């Protein structure tokens, strides 16, 4: 049985300083059934956890990249195209013929709609 040290019941103020006392207390608690074991994950469980963590990280990176693109488009004063709920937003830059030049962008700070 593998037991987490924080899950071993202790009385307030009790400080065991020797290995012998600690071993005696652990044996007494084990016989009384007061120790709760911890689960050691199998390699398949660890692989699934790693996959979930990686998927979560990719989602965060995708969200951050989308936000950076939106802020960049806002900064250069081009508009992002809204999409219906449930679909990822369609970020597009207006064609060069409709998007103002850099000098006019700096003066007007708005894009044509």
Foldseek 3Di string as FASTA:
>chain_A
DAADPVQQDDDPPDDDDDPVVVVVSVVVCVVVVSTDHDDDDDPVVVVVVVVVVVVVVVVVVVVVVVVVLCVVCLQLAFDFDQDDPPDDGGGDGPPPVQFDDSVVCVVPVHGDD
